[in-house]
């Protein structure tokens, strides 16, 4: 199962996300859940780099199954970054409704982020 953790502030700003695990919805190379989730995560990272001023730290496993992205506290309020992150959360949440056995979403509140 893929677990997607969404890190949010009390103000509902998203400060980061983490994708962990494997969907196990099909053979390697033919797993549509894994492919879709990977496309959302990587697309979001690429869009953050290309279209925003937000700075972030990224950690990923070379063999897949793990990606963590955290905005730097001083750029968490970047409007464009928030729009991209919220779009990714919407899409992956809608997917999770259809693939309950392969994908789950957790919302984690981060207090005192960057303080």
C-alpha atoms as a PDB file:
ATOM      1  CA  UNK A   1       0.000   0.000   0.000  1.00  0.00           C
ATOM      2  CA  UNK A   2       1.146   3.525  -0.743  1.00  0.00           C
ATOM      3  CA  UNK A   3       0.727   5.943   2.136  1.00  0.00           C
ATOM      4  CA  UNK A   4       0.690   9.620   1.248  1.00  0.00           C
ATOM      5  CA  UNK A   5       1.323  11.923   4.187  1.00  0.00           C
ATOM      6  CA  UNK A   6       0.301  15.536   3.691  1.00  0.00           C
ATOM      7  CA  UNK A   7       1.953  17.940   6.112  1.00  0.00           C
ATOM      8  CA  UNK A   8      -0.179  20.992   6.859  1.00  0.00           C
ATOM      9  CA  UNK A   9       0.026  23.994   9.109  1.00  0.00           C
ATOM     10  CA  UNK A  10      -2.810  25.119  11.381  1.00  0.00           C
ATOM     11  CA  UNK A  11      -3.628  27.693   8.693  1.00  0.00           C
ATOM     12  CA  UNK A  12      -4.203  24.865   6.153  1.00  0.00           C
ATOM     13  CA  UNK A  13      -1.077  25.796   4.229  1.00  0.00           C
ATOM     14  CA  UNK A  14       0.637  22.674   2.938  1.00  0.00           C
ATOM     15  CA  UNK A  15       4.292  22.535   3.921  1.00  0.00           C
ATOM     16  CA  UNK A  16       5.136  19.186   2.349  1.00  0.00           C
ATOM     17  CA  UNK A  17       4.277  15.610   1.471  1.00  0.00           C
ATOM     18  CA  UNK A  18       5.687  12.109   1.639  1.00  0.00           C
ATOM     19  CA  UNK A  19       4.864   9.112  -0.574  1.00  0.00           C
ATOM     20  CA  UNK A  20       5.898   5.753   0.918  1.00  0.00           C
ATOM     21  CA  UNK A  21       5.399   2.163  -0.122  1.00  0.00           C
ATOM     22  CA  UNK A  22       4.183   0.275  -3.144  1.00  0.00           C
ATOM     23  CA  UNK A  23       0.618  -0.080  -4.428  1.00  0.00           C
ATOM     24  CA  UNK A  24       0.909  -3.774  -5.333  1.00  0.00           C
ATOM     25  CA  UNK A  25      -2.010  -3.326  -7.731  1.00  0.00           C
ATOM     26  CA  UNK A  26      -0.301  -5.163 -10.587  1.00  0.00           C
ATOM     27  CA  UNK A  27       2.953  -6.578 -11.878  1.00  0.00           C
ATOM     28  CA  UNK A  28       6.018  -4.361 -11.850  1.00  0.00           C
ATOM     29  CA  UNK A  29       5.753  -2.072 -14.860  1.00  0.00           C
ATOM     30  CA  UNK A  30       1.993  -2.643 -15.159  1.00  0.00           C
ATOM     31  CA  UNK A  31       0.760  -1.232 -11.862  1.00  0.00           C
ATOM     32  CA  UNK A  32      -1.628   1.569 -12.847  1.00  0.00           C
ATOM     33  CA  UNK A  33      -2.002   2.869  -9.291  1.00  0.00           C
ATOM     34  CA  UNK A  34       1.763   3.151  -8.849  1.00  0.00           C
ATOM     35  CA  UNK A  35       2.136   4.808 -12.241  1.00  0.00           C
ATOM     36  CA  UNK A  36      -0.582   7.367 -11.582  1.00  0.00           C
ATOM     37  CA  UNK A  37       0.608   8.213  -8.081  1.00  0.00           C
ATOM     38  CA  UNK A  38       4.212   8.513  -9.261  1.00  0.00           C
ATOM     39  CA  UNK A  39       3.159  10.835 -12.081  1.00  0.00           C
ATOM     40  CA  UNK A  40       1.296  13.079  -9.629  1.00  0.00           C
ATOM     41  CA  UNK A  41       4.209  13.274  -7.196  1.00  0.00           C
ATOM     42  CA  UNK A  42       6.954  13.800  -9.774  1.00  0.00           C
ATOM     43  CA  UNK A  43       4.796  16.215 -11.759  1.00  0.00           C
ATOM     44  CA  UNK A  44       4.207  18.274  -8.634  1.00  0.00           C
ATOM     45  CA  UNK A  45       7.936  18.436  -7.838  1.00  0.00           C
ATOM     46  CA  UNK A  46       8.775  19.416 -11.420  1.00  0.00           C
ATOM     47  CA  UNK A  47       6.074  22.111 -11.421  1.00  0.00           C
ATOM     48  CA  UNK A  48       7.273  23.492  -8.076  1.00  0.00           C
ATOM     49  CA  UNK A  49      10.764  23.839  -9.567  1.00  0.00           C
ATOM     50  CA  UNK A  50       9.621  25.300 -12.886  1.00  0.00           C
ATOM     51  CA  UNK A  51       6.750  27.592 -11.910  1.00  0.00           C
ATOM     52  CA  UNK A  52       7.287  28.843  -8.361  1.00  0.00           C
ATOM     53  CA  UNK A  53       9.759  30.745  -6.270  1.00  0.00           C
ATOM     54  CA  UNK A  54       9.351  28.218  -3.455  1.00  0.00           C
ATOM     55  CA  UNK A  55      12.421  26.440  -2.169  1.00  0.00           C
ATOM     56  CA  UNK A  56      12.198  22.914  -0.841  1.00  0.00           C
ATOM     57  CA  UNK A  57      14.148  19.929   0.352  1.00  0.00           C
ATOM     58  CA  UNK A  58      13.638  16.620  -1.430  1.00  0.00           C
ATOM     59  CA  UNK A  59      14.546  13.104  -0.355  1.00  0.00           C
ATOM     60  CA  UNK A  60      13.920  10.034  -2.522  1.00  0.00           C
ATOM     61  CA  UNK A  61      14.869   6.378  -2.544  1.00  0.00           C
ATOM     62  CA  UNK A  62      16.885   5.362  -5.591  1.00  0.00           C
ATOM     63  CA  UNK A  63      14.854   2.194  -6.030  1.00  0.00           C
ATOM     64  CA  UNK A  64      11.482   3.968  -5.677  1.00  0.00           C
ATOM     65  CA  UNK A  65       8.850   3.660  -3.017  1.00  0.00           C
ATOM     66  CA  UNK A  66       9.803   6.832  -1.165  1.00  0.00           C
ATOM     67  CA  UNK A  67       9.628  10.555  -1.935  1.00  0.00           C
ATOM     68  CA  UNK A  68       9.511  13.330   0.640  1.00  0.00           C
ATOM     69  CA  UNK A  69       9.279  17.016  -0.228  1.00  0.00           C
ATOM     70  CA  UNK A  70       9.206  19.791   2.371  1.00  0.00           C
ATOM     71  CA  UNK A  71       8.947  23.482   1.544  1.00  0.00           C
ATOM     72  CA  UNK A  72      11.430  25.674   3.312  1.00  0.00           C
ATOM     73  CA  UNK A  73       9.578  27.646   6.006  1.00  0.00           C
ATOM     74  CA  UNK A  74      10.377  31.020   4.446  1.00  0.00           C
ATOM     75  CA  UNK A  75       8.635  30.036   1.177  1.00  0.00           C
ATOM     76  CA  UNK A  76       5.664  28.040   2.491  1.00  0.00           C
ATOM     77  CA  UNK A  77       3.315  30.952   1.730  1.00  0.00           C
ATOM     78  CA  UNK A  78       4.202  31.037  -1.978  1.00  0.00           C
ATOM     79  CA  UNK A  79       0.775  31.225  -3.655  1.00  0.00           C
ATOM     80  CA  UNK A  80       1.725  29.242  -6.746  1.00  0.00           C
ATOM     81  CA  UNK A  81       3.345  26.487  -4.680  1.00  0.00           C
ATOM     82  CA  UNK A  82       0.214  26.203  -2.554  1.00  0.00           C
ATOM     83  CA  UNK A  83      -1.980  25.933  -5.645  1.00  0.00           C
ATOM     84  CA  UNK A  84       0.192  23.156  -7.081  1.00  0.00           C
ATOM     85  CA  UNK A  85       0.328  21.263  -3.786  1.00  0.00           C
ATOM     86  CA  UNK A  86      -3.433  21.550  -3.240  1.00  0.00           C
ATOM     87  CA  UNK A  87      -4.053  20.320  -6.791  1.00  0.00           C
ATOM     88  CA  UNK A  88      -1.844  17.287  -6.156  1.00  0.00           C
ATOM     89  CA  UNK A  89      -3.630  16.564  -2.856  1.00  0.00           C
ATOM     90  CA  UNK A  90      -7.024  16.794  -4.575  1.00  0.00           C
ATOM     91  CA  UNK A  91      -5.994  14.395  -7.328  1.00  0.00           C
ATOM     92  CA  UNK A  92      -4.358  11.799  -5.072  1.00  0.00           C
ATOM     93  CA  UNK A  93      -7.278  11.980  -2.608  1.00  0.00           C
ATOM     94  CA  UNK A  94      -9.757  11.275  -5.394  1.00  0.00           C
ATOM     95  CA  UNK A  95      -7.625   8.320  -6.498  1.00  0.00           C
ATOM     96  CA  UNK A  96      -7.558   6.968  -2.948  1.00  0.00           C
ATOM     97  CA  UNK A  97     -11.364   6.828  -2.935  1.00  0.00           C
ATOM     98  CA  UNK A  98     -11.237   4.374  -5.846  1.00  0.00           C
ATOM     99  CA  UNK A  99      -8.252   2.308  -4.679  1.00  0.00           C
ATOM    100  CA  UNK A 100      -8.869   1.794  -0.963  1.00  0.00           C
ATOM    101  CA  UNK A 101      -6.677  -1.318  -0.791  1.00  0.00           C
ATOM    102  CA  UNK A 102      -3.704   0.323  -2.515  1.00  0.00           C
ATOM    103  CA  UNK A 103      -3.595   3.948  -1.425  1.00  0.00           C
ATOM    104  CA  UNK A 104      -4.271   5.886   1.750  1.00  0.00           C
ATOM    105  CA  UNK A 105      -3.934   9.539   2.671  1.00  0.00           C
ATOM    106  CA  UNK A 106      -2.869  10.920   6.049  1.00  0.00           C
ATOM    107  CA  UNK A 107      -3.063  14.582   7.015  1.00  0.00           C
ATOM    108  CA  UNK A 108      -0.494  15.554   9.614  1.00  0.00           C
ATOM    109  CA  UNK A 109      -0.564  18.938  11.297  1.00  0.00           C
ATOM    110  CA  UNK A 110       2.850  20.526  11.741  1.00  0.00           C
ATOM    111  CA  UNK A 111       2.962  22.993  14.614  1.00  0.00           C
ATOM    112  CA  UNK A 112       5.689  25.584  14.964  1.00  0.00           C
ATOM    113  CA  UNK A 113       6.969  24.877  11.460  1.00  0.00           C
ATOM    114  CA  UNK A 114      10.128  26.842  10.903  1.00  0.00           C
ATOM    115  CA  UNK A 115      10.184  28.420  14.339  1.00  0.00           C
END
